[in-house]
Amino acid sequence: MSLLFTVPAWSFSISPVRFLITGDPASVETVKINISNTEVRDLVFRPVVYGVRQGDGGQPVFEKNIDVAESWVKPEMATLAVASGNKGVMRFEIKIPRGVPPGSHYLGLGVEPVNDAVGNIGVMTRALSLLTIQVSGVAYEVLQVEKFEHIAARVGEPNWLFDLTLTNKGNVEVNATGDAKVLDWRGNEITTQPIFSSARIISGASKMSDFNIDAAGRGFWPGLYQVQVKVGYGITKQNVISLIYVWYLPVWSLVVVGILFLIFIGSVVFLARRYQMKKIMARL
């Protein structure tokens, strides 16, 4: 996975696009990025290091100063000149501090061209590779449901919309699969549908998912229902479950209730008047 902003002013590429290193605390590792300059002129590159967080859609977002591991990385050179049509290598030394707890860290390592004339970036073009640093130790997988709620647009809405947020509280990334189950008020299963088949959630990140259930299309009767979300995750095959209740009162059911209520009120009034008439007739 790489982040590459491309404009006609610069033409270059890097490889590999992903790294994975595993190291003990107090250890030193070295990674290298291969640069291919396909520009018609010579280019000077400087190294860049970014932290990585997971976006709402699961994509990597590269930003500065969001992961302590950014300070573990030191490029071996400040700049690297690569002639047109040639290749170069940029090396990065990674020192994992002593006492760092086990877990995973995600960084973006790469290069960006430098404008020789002014010593600054000529055009904001850079290429980044995704580096995963796994600090050795005991790994634990913990996925939590931070939020699960029914978003009700209006009374009797036939299309139920739900908002689900999962957070990885463990120290390693996990793959997760989720489904939603609808049960009646007694707990009998009515239907099940998938929410996502495979979602990769990195340590400390959250995943937000919206999903809907078509109550009208599935022929649900008015009443109280249970909606249960079950998410399986990780190598340990754990499950996290969350449950909420949903009242389903479609418009037609409200109309029927209204009609029955009017019939009831009419019947009460009719019987009351009839009773009063009988009392009056009895006195005559």
C-alpha atoms as a PDB file:
ATOM      1  CA  MET A   1       0.000   0.000   0.000  1.00  0.00           C
ATOM      2  CA  SER A   2       1.517   3.330  -0.973  1.00  0.00           C
ATOM      3  CA  LEU A   3       0.502   6.931  -1.111  1.00  0.00           C
ATOM      4  CA  LEU A   4       1.711   8.562  -4.308  1.00  0.00           C
ATOM      5  CA  PHE A   5       0.834  12.081  -5.401  1.00  0.00           C
ATOM      6  CA  THR A   6       1.710  12.431  -9.079  1.00  0.00           C
ATOM      7  CA  VAL A   7       2.016  15.587 -11.157  1.00  0.00           C
ATOM      8  CA  PRO A   8       3.643  16.036 -14.578  1.00  0.00           C
ATOM      9  CA  ALA A   9       6.529  18.067 -13.077  1.00  0.00           C
ATOM     10  CA  TRP A  10       8.060  14.999 -11.409  1.00  0.00           C
ATOM     11  CA  SER A  11       8.285  11.405 -12.599  1.00  0.00           C
ATOM     12  CA  PHE A  12       9.695   8.830 -10.191  1.00  0.00           C
ATOM     13  CA  SER A  13       8.678   5.732  -8.253  1.00  0.00           C
ATOM     14  CA  ILE A  14       9.730   3.790  -5.179  1.00  0.00           C
ATOM     15  CA  SER A  15       9.706   0.166  -4.075  1.00  0.00           C
ATOM     16  CA  PRO A  16       8.715  -1.848  -2.154  1.00  0.00           C
ATOM     17  CA  VAL A  17       5.324  -0.420  -1.249  1.00  0.00           C
ATOM     18  CA  ARG A  18       5.083  -2.321   2.058  1.00  0.00           C
ATOM     19  CA  PHE A  19       7.540  -3.247   4.820  1.00  0.00           C
ATOM     20  CA  LEU A  20       7.135  -5.488   7.833  1.00  0.00           C
ATOM     21  CA  ILE A  21       9.819  -5.717  10.500  1.00  0.00           C
ATOM     22  CA  THR A  22       9.726  -7.457  13.864  1.00  0.00           C
ATOM     23  CA  GLY A  23      12.175  -6.396  16.519  1.00  0.00           C
ATOM     24  CA  ASP A  24      12.865  -6.617  20.229  1.00  0.00           C
ATOM     25  CA  PRO A  25      13.086  -3.538  22.455  1.00  0.00           C
ATOM     26  CA  ALA A  26      16.601  -2.005  22.289  1.00  0.00           C
ATOM     27  CA  SER A  27      17.189  -3.534  18.831  1.00  0.00           C
ATOM     28  CA  VAL A  28      18.215  -1.768  15.618  1.00  0.00           C
ATOM     29  CA  GLU A  29      16.821  -2.521  12.168  1.00  0.00           C
ATOM     30  CA  THR A  30      17.579  -1.055   8.743  1.00  0.00           C
ATOM     31  CA  VAL A  31      15.202  -0.770   5.789  1.00  0.00           C
ATOM     32  CA  LYS A  32      15.878   0.604   2.337  1.00  0.00           C
ATOM     33  CA  ILE A  33      13.722   2.225  -0.308  1.00  0.00           C
ATOM     34  CA  ASN A  34      14.640   1.866  -3.962  1.00  0.00           C
ATOM     35  CA  ILE A  35      14.088   5.017  -6.027  1.00  0.00           C
ATOM     36  CA  SER A  36      13.695   4.985  -9.806  1.00  0.00           C
ATOM     37  CA  ASN A  37      14.109   8.379 -11.501  1.00  0.00           C
ATOM     38  CA  THR A  38      12.218   8.334 -14.800  1.00  0.00           C
ATOM     39  CA  GLU A  39      12.294  12.126 -15.098  1.00  0.00           C
ATOM     40  CA  VAL A  40      14.149  13.702 -18.055  1.00  0.00           C
ATOM     41  CA  ARG A  41      16.451  15.492 -15.638  1.00  0.00           C
ATOM     42  CA  ASP A  42      18.440  14.652 -12.534  1.00  0.00           C
ATOM     43  CA  LEU A  43      16.592  14.855  -9.231  1.00  0.00           C
ATOM     44  CA  VAL A  44      17.623  15.331  -5.637  1.00  0.00           C
ATOM     45  CA  PHE A  45      15.473  13.554  -3.047  1.00  0.00           C
ATOM     46  CA  ARG A  46      15.123  13.962   0.676  1.00  0.00           C
ATOM     47  CA  PRO A  47      13.668  11.351   3.069  1.00  0.00           C
ATOM     48  CA  VAL A  48      10.304  11.798   4.781  1.00  0.00           C
ATOM     49  CA  VAL A  49       8.722   9.985   7.730  1.00  0.00           C
ATOM     50  CA  TYR A  50       5.032  10.067   8.604  1.00  0.00           C
ATOM     51  CA  GLY A  51       2.796   8.450  11.174  1.00  0.00           C
ATOM     52  CA  VAL A  52      -0.198   6.474   9.968  1.00  0.00           C
ATOM     53  CA  ARG A  53      -3.738   6.381  11.240  1.00  0.00           C
ATOM     54  CA  GLN A  54      -6.698   4.520   9.813  1.00  0.00           C
ATOM     55  CA  GLY A  55      -9.359   6.564   8.045  1.00  0.00           C
ATOM     56  CA  ASP A  56     -13.081   6.027   8.445  1.00  0.00           C
ATOM     57  CA  GLY A  57     -13.132   3.908   5.294  1.00  0.00           C
ATOM     58  CA  GLY A  58     -10.185   1.778   6.443  1.00  0.00           C
ATOM     59  CA  GLN A  59      -7.627   3.537   4.237  1.00  0.00           C
ATOM     60  CA  PRO A  60      -4.249   4.679   5.629  1.00  0.00           C
ATOM     61  CA  VAL A  61      -3.931   8.386   6.386  1.00  0.00           C
ATOM     62  CA  PHE A  62      -0.373   9.729   6.628  1.00  0.00           C
ATOM     63  CA  GLU A  63       0.229  12.563   9.110  1.00  0.00           C
ATOM     64  CA  LYS A  64       3.048  14.021  11.175  1.00  0.00           C
ATOM     65  CA  ASN A  65       3.435  13.572  14.941  1.00  0.00           C
ATOM     66  CA  ILE A  66       0.743  10.974  15.538  1.00  0.00           C
ATOM     67  CA  ASP A  67       2.901   7.946  16.444  1.00  0.00           C
ATOM     68  CA  VAL A  68       5.812   7.808  18.871  1.00  0.00           C
ATOM     69  CA  ALA A  69       7.572   5.439  16.459  1.00  0.00           C
ATOM     70  CA  GLU A  70       8.244   8.367  14.115  1.00  0.00           C
ATOM     71  CA  SER A  71      11.070   9.353  16.476  1.00  0.00           C
ATOM     72  CA  TRP A  72      12.599   5.874  16.182  1.00  0.00           C
ATOM     73  CA  VAL A  73      13.471   6.401  12.510  1.00  0.00           C
ATOM     74  CA  LYS A  74      16.616   8.158  11.311  1.00  0.00           C
ATOM     75  CA  PRO A  75      17.497   8.438   7.595  1.00  0.00           C
ATOM     76  CA  GLU A  76      21.141   7.630   6.838  1.00  0.00           C
ATOM     77  CA  MET A  77      21.443  10.686   4.550  1.00  0.00           C
ATOM     78  CA  ALA A  78      19.816  14.093   4.332  1.00  0.00           C
ATOM     79  CA  THR A  79      19.525  14.068   0.524  1.00  0.00           C
ATOM     80  CA  LEU A  80      20.192  11.693  -2.352  1.00  0.00           C
ATOM     81  CA  ALA A  81      20.921  12.706  -5.967  1.00  0.00           C
ATOM     82  CA  VAL A  82      19.650  10.319  -8.635  1.00  0.00           C
ATOM     83  CA  ALA A  83      20.547  10.942 -12.271  1.00  0.00           C
ATOM     84  CA  SER A  84      17.892  10.782 -14.986  1.00  0.00           C
ATOM     85  CA  GLY A  85      17.091   7.196 -15.901  1.00  0.00           C
ATOM     86  CA  ASN A  86      19.018   5.818 -12.920  1.00  0.00           C
ATOM     87  CA  LYS A  87      18.133   4.269  -9.559  1.00  0.00           C
ATOM     88  CA  GLY A  88      19.148   5.063  -6.008  1.00  0.00           C
ATOM     89  CA  VAL A  89      18.689   3.679  -2.509  1.00  0.00           C
ATOM     90  CA  MET A  90      17.558   5.590   0.574  1.00  0.00           C
ATOM     91  CA  ARG A  91      18.221   3.795   3.873  1.00  0.00           C
ATOM     92  CA  PHE A  92      16.457   4.322   7.184  1.00  0.00           C
ATOM     93  CA  GLU A  93      17.763   3.152  10.559  1.00  0.00           C
ATOM     94  CA  ILE A  94      15.104   2.149  13.090  1.00  0.00           C
ATOM     95  CA  LYS A  95      16.051   2.043  16.773  1.00  0.00           C
ATOM     96  CA  ILE A  96      13.394   0.497  18.995  1.00  0.00           C
ATOM     97  CA  PRO A  97      13.873   1.962  22.484  1.00  0.00           C
ATOM     98  CA  ARG A  98      14.402  -0.189  25.532  1.00  0.00           C
ATOM     99  CA  GLY A  99      11.272  -0.785  27.572  1.00  0.00           C
ATOM    100  CA  VAL A 100       8.805  -0.244  24.717  1.00  0.00           C
ATOM    101  CA  PRO A 101       5.694  -2.409  25.269  1.00  0.00           C
ATOM    102  CA  PRO A 102       4.858  -5.021  22.637  1.00  0.00           C
ATOM    103  CA  GLY A 103       2.529  -4.033  19.837  1.00  0.00           C
ATOM    104  CA  SER A 104       2.313  -2.726  16.297  1.00  0.00           C
ATOM    105  CA  HIS A 105       3.236   0.706  14.932  1.00  0.00           C
ATOM    106  CA  TYR A 106       2.569   2.024  11.440  1.00  0.00           C
ATOM    107  CA  LEU A 107       4.687   4.543   9.567  1.00  0.00           C
ATOM    108  CA  GLY A 108       4.981   5.985   6.097  1.00  0.00           C
ATOM    109  CA  LEU A 109       8.571   6.074   4.820  1.00  0.00           C
ATOM    110  CA  GLY A 110       9.424   7.674   1.514  1.00  0.00           C
ATOM    111  CA  VAL A 111      11.058  10.471  -0.429  1.00  0.00           C
ATOM    112  CA  GLU A 112      10.167  13.771  -2.040  1.00  0.00           C
ATOM    113  CA  PRO A 113      12.147  15.717  -4.648  1.00  0.00           C
ATOM    114  CA  VAL A 114      13.988  18.889  -3.667  1.00  0.00           C
ATOM    115  CA  ASN A 115      14.183  21.983  -5.851  1.00  0.00           C
ATOM    116  CA  ASP A 116      17.931  22.597  -6.192  1.00  0.00           C
ATOM    117  CA  ALA A 117      17.472  26.258  -7.048  1.00  0.00           C
ATOM    118  CA  VAL A 118      15.836  27.302  -3.783  1.00  0.00           C
ATOM    119  CA  GLY A 119      16.492  24.330  -1.535  1.00  0.00           C
ATOM    120  CA  ASN A 120      12.808  23.732  -0.963  1.00  0.00           C
ATOM    121  CA  ILE A 121      10.104  21.490  -2.288  1.00  0.00           C
ATOM    122  CA  GLY A 122       9.380  22.570  -5.863  1.00  0.00           C
ATOM    123  CA  VAL A 123       6.091  20.718  -6.181  1.00  0.00           C
ATOM    124  CA  MET A 124       4.512  18.858  -3.300  1.00  0.00           C
ATOM    125  CA  THR A 125       5.052  15.410  -4.778  1.00  0.00           C
ATOM    126  CA  ARG A 126       6.080  12.501  -2.596  1.00  0.00           C
ATOM    127  CA  ALA A 127       5.894   8.729  -2.578  1.00  0.00           C
ATOM    128  CA  LEU A 128       5.380   6.785   0.650  1.00  0.00           C
ATOM    129  CA  SER A 129       5.599   3.118   1.552  1.00  0.00           C
ATOM    130  CA  LEU A 130       3.758   1.592   4.492  1.00  0.00           C
ATOM    131  CA  LEU A 131       6.026   0.280   7.251  1.00  0.00           C
ATOM    132  CA  THR A 132       4.664  -1.963  10.000  1.00  0.00           C
ATOM    133  CA  ILE A 133       6.863  -2.275  13.082  1.00  0.00           C
ATOM    134  CA  GLN A 134       5.969  -5.164  15.342  1.00  0.00           C
ATOM    135  CA  VAL A 135       7.640  -4.915  18.743  1.00  0.00           C
ATOM    136  CA  SER A 136       8.158  -8.416  20.106  1.00  0.00           C
ATOM    137  CA  GLY A 137       6.310  -9.522  23.218  1.00  0.00           C
ATOM    138  CA  VAL A 138       2.946 -10.837  24.303  1.00  0.00           C
ATOM    139  CA  ALA A 139       0.232  -9.811  21.848  1.00  0.00           C
ATOM    140  CA  TYR A 140      -3.382  -9.406  22.913  1.00  0.00           C
ATOM    141  CA  GLU A 141      -6.472  -8.916  20.771  1.00  0.00           C
ATOM    142  CA  VAL A 142      -9.293  -6.768  22.136  1.00  0.00           C
ATOM    143  CA  LEU A 143     -12.047  -5.359  19.926  1.00  0.00           C
ATOM    144  CA  GLN A 144     -14.780  -3.271  21.540  1.00  0.00           C
ATOM    145  CA  VAL A 145     -18.110  -1.877  20.371  1.00  0.00           C
ATOM    146  CA  GLU A 146     -17.852   1.844  21.094  1.00  0.00           C
ATOM    147  CA  LYS A 147     -21.259   2.717  19.659  1.00  0.00           C
ATOM    148  CA  PHE A 148     -24.233   0.820  18.287  1.00  0.00           C
ATOM    149  CA  GLU A 149     -27.432   2.766  17.817  1.00  0.00           C
ATOM    150  CA  HIS A 150     -30.559   2.937  15.720  1.00  0.00           C
ATOM    151  CA  ILE A 151     -30.878   6.144  13.709  1.00  0.00           C
ATOM    152  CA  ALA A 152     -34.634   6.773  13.532  1.00  0.00           C
ATOM    153  CA  ALA A 153     -35.565   9.200  10.766  1.00  0.00           C
ATOM    154  CA  ARG A 154     -39.287   9.212  11.598  1.00  0.00           C
ATOM    155  CA  VAL A 155     -41.892   7.115  13.350  1.00  0.00           C
ATOM    156  CA  GLY A 156     -42.658   3.963  11.396  1.00  0.00           C
ATOM    157  CA  GLU A 157     -39.570   4.238   9.158  1.00  0.00           C
ATOM    158  CA  PRO A 158     -39.515   0.930   7.195  1.00  0.00           C
ATOM    159  CA  ASN A 159     -35.780   1.144   6.442  1.00  0.00           C
ATOM    160  CA  TRP A 160     -33.873   0.790   9.702  1.00  0.00           C
ATOM    161  CA  LEU A 161     -30.498   2.539   9.686  1.00  0.00           C
ATOM    162  CA  PHE A 162     -27.834   1.674  12.254  1.00  0.00           C
ATOM    163  CA  ASP A 163     -24.537   3.283  13.235  1.00  0.00           C
ATOM    164  CA  LEU A 164     -21.779   0.942  14.459  1.00  0.00           C
ATOM    165  CA  THR A 165     -18.305   1.923  15.701  1.00  0.00           C
ATOM    166  CA  LEU A 166     -15.641  -0.646  16.622  1.00  0.00           C
ATOM    167  CA  THR A 167     -12.333   0.181  18.319  1.00  0.00           C
ATOM    168  CA  ASN A 168      -9.238  -1.996  18.450  1.00  0.00           C
ATOM    169  CA  LYS A 169      -8.053  -1.807  22.073  1.00  0.00           C
ATOM    170  CA  GLY A 170      -5.402  -4.487  21.574  1.00  0.00           C
ATOM    171  CA  ASN A 171      -1.754  -4.060  20.638  1.00  0.00           C
ATOM    172  CA  VAL A 172      -1.945  -5.802  17.239  1.00  0.00           C
ATOM    173  CA  GLU A 173      -4.120  -5.343  14.182  1.00  0.00           C
ATOM    174  CA  VAL A 174      -7.062  -7.696  13.715  1.00  0.00           C
ATOM    175  CA  ASN A 175      -9.238  -8.860  10.856  1.00  0.00           C
ATOM    176  CA  ALA A 176     -12.938  -8.752  11.650  1.00  0.00           C
ATOM    177  CA  THR A 177     -16.178 -10.022  10.143  1.00  0.00           C
ATOM    178  CA  GLY A 178     -19.601  -8.911  11.293  1.00  0.00           C
ATOM    179  CA  ASP A 179     -23.266  -9.708  10.858  1.00  0.00           C
ATOM    180  CA  ALA A 180     -26.568  -8.371  12.172  1.00  0.00           C
ATOM    181  CA  LYS A 181     -29.335 -10.591  13.471  1.00  0.00           C
ATOM    182  CA  VAL A 182     -32.983  -9.589  14.004  1.00  0.00           C
ATOM    183  CA  LEU A 183     -34.965 -11.384  16.721  1.00  0.00           C
ATOM    184  CA  ASP A 184     -38.517 -10.992  17.935  1.00  0.00           C
ATOM    185  CA  TRP A 185     -39.305  -9.889  21.485  1.00  0.00           C
ATOM    186  CA  ARG A 186     -39.088 -13.499  22.669  1.00  0.00           C
ATOM    187  CA  GLY A 187     -35.570 -13.878  21.278  1.00  0.00           C
ATOM    188  CA  ASN A 188     -36.484 -16.036  18.279  1.00  0.00           C
ATOM    189  CA  GLU A 189     -34.291 -15.367  15.243  1.00  0.00           C
ATOM    190  CA  ILE A 190     -36.081 -13.870  12.242  1.00  0.00           C
ATOM    191  CA  THR A 191     -33.280 -12.990   9.835  1.00  0.00           C
ATOM    192  CA  THR A 192     -29.498 -12.494   9.595  1.00  0.00           C
ATOM    193  CA  GLN A 193     -27.503 -10.341   7.206  1.00  0.00           C
ATOM    194  CA  PRO A 194     -23.769  -9.542   6.836  1.00  0.00           C
ATOM    195  CA  ILE A 195     -22.406  -6.119   7.777  1.00  0.00           C
ATOM    196  CA  PHE A 196     -18.869  -6.596   6.448  1.00  0.00           C
ATOM    197  CA  SER A 197     -17.067  -9.724   5.304  1.00  0.00           C
ATOM    198  CA  SER A 198     -13.517  -8.638   6.115  1.00  0.00           C
ATOM    199  CA  ALA A 199     -12.282  -5.494   7.838  1.00  0.00           C
ATOM    200  CA  ARG A 200      -8.701  -4.846   8.864  1.00  0.00           C
ATOM    201  CA  ILE A 201      -8.470  -2.671  11.994  1.00  0.00           C
ATOM    202  CA  ILE A 202      -5.046  -1.557  13.174  1.00  0.00           C
ATOM    203  CA  SER A 203      -4.123  -1.179  16.829  1.00  0.00           C
ATOM    204  CA  GLY A 204      -5.749   1.875  18.409  1.00  0.00           C
ATOM    205  CA  ALA A 205      -7.928   2.580  15.363  1.00  0.00           C
ATOM    206  CA  SER A 206     -11.709   2.698  15.029  1.00  0.00           C
ATOM    207  CA  LYS A 207     -13.932   1.447  12.255  1.00  0.00           C
ATOM    208  CA  MET A 208     -17.304   3.073  11.603  1.00  0.00           C
ATOM    209  CA  SER A 209     -19.944   1.145   9.668  1.00  0.00           C
ATOM    210  CA  ASP A 210     -23.461   2.136   8.691  1.00  0.00           C
ATOM    211  CA  PHE A 211     -25.881  -0.567   7.655  1.00  0.00           C
ATOM    212  CA  ASN A 212     -29.598  -0.856   7.104  1.00  0.00           C
ATOM    213  CA  ILE A 213     -32.322  -3.470   7.485  1.00  0.00           C
ATOM    214  CA  ASP A 214     -35.386  -3.315   5.239  1.00  0.00           C
ATOM    215  CA  ALA A 215     -38.174  -4.112   7.692  1.00  0.00           C
ATOM    216  CA  ALA A 216     -40.978  -3.540   5.191  1.00  0.00           C
ATOM    217  CA  GLY A 217     -39.290  -5.627   2.508  1.00  0.00           C
ATOM    218  CA  ARG A 218     -38.860  -8.503   4.937  1.00  0.00           C
ATOM    219  CA  GLY A 219     -42.512  -8.362   5.987  1.00  0.00           C
ATOM    220  CA  PHE A 220     -42.000  -7.455   9.635  1.00  0.00           C
ATOM    221  CA  TRP A 221     -45.157  -7.062  11.699  1.00  0.00           C
ATOM    222  CA  PRO A 222     -45.533  -4.147  14.112  1.00  0.00           C
ATOM    223  CA  GLY A 223     -43.910  -4.762  17.462  1.00  0.00           C
ATOM    224  CA  LEU A 224     -40.726  -4.781  19.502  1.00  0.00           C
ATOM    225  CA  TYR A 225     -37.608  -6.326  17.924  1.00  0.00           C
ATOM    226  CA  GLN A 226     -34.072  -7.073  19.039  1.00  0.00           C
ATOM    227  CA  VAL A 227     -31.166  -6.269  16.705  1.00  0.00           C
ATOM    228  CA  GLN A 228     -27.958  -8.062  17.606  1.00  0.00           C
ATOM    229  CA  VAL A 229     -24.538  -7.332  16.115  1.00  0.00           C
ATOM    230  CA  LYS A 230     -21.932 -10.071  16.302  1.00  0.00           C
ATOM    231  CA  VAL A 231     -18.329  -9.402  15.246  1.00  0.00           C
ATOM    232  CA  GLY A 232     -15.726 -12.145  15.080  1.00  0.00           C
ATOM    233  CA  TYR A 233     -12.105 -11.068  15.058  1.00  0.00           C
ATOM    234  CA  GLY A 234      -8.463 -12.035  15.283  1.00  0.00           C
ATOM    235  CA  ILE A 235      -6.426 -15.198  15.294  1.00  0.00           C
ATOM    236  CA  THR A 236      -7.975 -16.148  18.617  1.00  0.00           C
ATOM    237  CA  LYS A 237     -11.451 -16.233  16.983  1.00  0.00           C
ATOM    238  CA  GLN A 238     -13.101 -14.095  19.653  1.00  0.00           C
ATOM    239  CA  ASN A 239     -16.560 -12.543  19.341  1.00  0.00           C
ATOM    240  CA  VAL A 240     -17.961  -9.246  20.535  1.00  0.00           C
ATOM    241  CA  ILE A 241     -21.764  -8.897  20.706  1.00  0.00           C
ATOM    242  CA  SER A 242     -23.992  -5.866  21.154  1.00  0.00           C
ATOM    243  CA  LEU A 243     -27.794  -5.738  21.337  1.00  0.00           C
ATOM    244  CA  ILE A 244     -30.377  -2.961  21.032  1.00  0.00           C
ATOM    245  CA  TYR A 245     -34.200  -2.862  20.866  1.00  0.00           C
ATOM    246  CA  VAL A 246     -36.223  -1.331  18.045  1.00  0.00           C
ATOM    247  CA  TRP A 247     -39.924  -0.532  17.981  1.00  0.00           C
ATOM    248  CA  TYR A 248     -41.446  -1.000  14.534  1.00  0.00           C
ATOM    249  CA  LEU A 249     -44.750   0.831  14.046  1.00  0.00           C
ATOM    250  CA  PRO A 250     -45.421   1.322  10.326  1.00  0.00           C
ATOM    251  CA  VAL A 251     -47.896   3.980   9.232  1.00  0.00           C
ATOM    252  CA  TRP A 252     -50.588   1.458   8.365  1.00  0.00           C
ATOM    253  CA  SER A 253     -50.444   0.029  11.884  1.00  0.00           C
ATOM    254  CA  LEU A 254     -50.864   3.515  13.368  1.00  0.00           C
ATOM    255  CA  VAL A 255     -53.845   4.080  11.101  1.00  0.00           C
ATOM    256  CA  VAL A 256     -55.369   0.776  12.228  1.00  0.00           C
ATOM    257  CA  VAL A 257     -54.736   1.651  15.880  1.00  0.00           C
ATOM    258  CA  GLY A 258     -56.325   5.063  15.314  1.00  0.00           C
ATOM    259  CA  ILE A 259     -59.410   3.528  13.716  1.00  0.00           C
ATOM    260  CA  LEU A 260     -59.743   0.962  16.506  1.00  0.00           C
ATOM    261  CA  PHE A 261     -59.362   3.727  19.078  1.00  0.00           C
ATOM    262  CA  LEU A 262     -62.126   5.758  17.420  1.00  0.00           C
ATOM    263  CA  ILE A 263     -64.341   2.674  17.296  1.00  0.00           C
ATOM    264  CA  PHE A 264     -63.624   2.088  20.986  1.00  0.00           C
ATOM    265  CA  ILE A 265     -64.448   5.690  21.908  1.00  0.00           C
ATOM    266  CA  GLY A 266     -67.576   5.566  19.745  1.00  0.00           C
ATOM    267  CA  SER A 267     -68.657   2.341  21.407  1.00  0.00           C
ATOM    268  CA  VAL A 268     -68.124   3.782  24.881  1.00  0.00           C
ATOM    269  CA  VAL A 269     -70.130   6.901  24.015  1.00  0.00           C
ATOM    270  CA  PHE A 270     -72.883   4.819  22.424  1.00  0.00           C
ATOM    271  CA  LEU A 271     -73.133   2.472  25.411  1.00  0.00           C
ATOM    272  CA  ALA A 272     -73.054   5.365  27.868  1.00  0.00           C
ATOM    273  CA  ARG A 273     -75.881   7.130  26.074  1.00  0.00           C
ATOM    274  CA  ARG A 274     -77.818   3.896  25.834  1.00  0.00           C
ATOM    275  CA  TYR A 275     -77.379   3.351  29.560  1.00  0.00           C
ATOM    276  CA  GLN A 276     -78.573   6.880  30.295  1.00  0.00           C
ATOM    277  CA  MET A 277     -81.602   6.377  28.058  1.00  0.00           C
ATOM    278  CA  LYS A 278     -82.494   3.170  29.902  1.00  0.00           C
ATOM    279  CA  LYS A 279     -82.293   5.001  33.220  1.00  0.00           C
ATOM    280  CA  ILE A 280     -84.560   7.755  31.932  1.00  0.00           C
ATOM    281  CA  MET A 281     -87.055   5.271  30.510  1.00  0.00           C
ATOM    282  CA  ALA A 282     -87.080   3.372  33.828  1.00  0.00           C
ATOM    283  CA  ARG A 283     -88.118   6.513  35.699  1.00  0.00           C
ATOM    284  CA  LEU A 284     -91.111   7.182  33.413  1.00  0.00           C
END
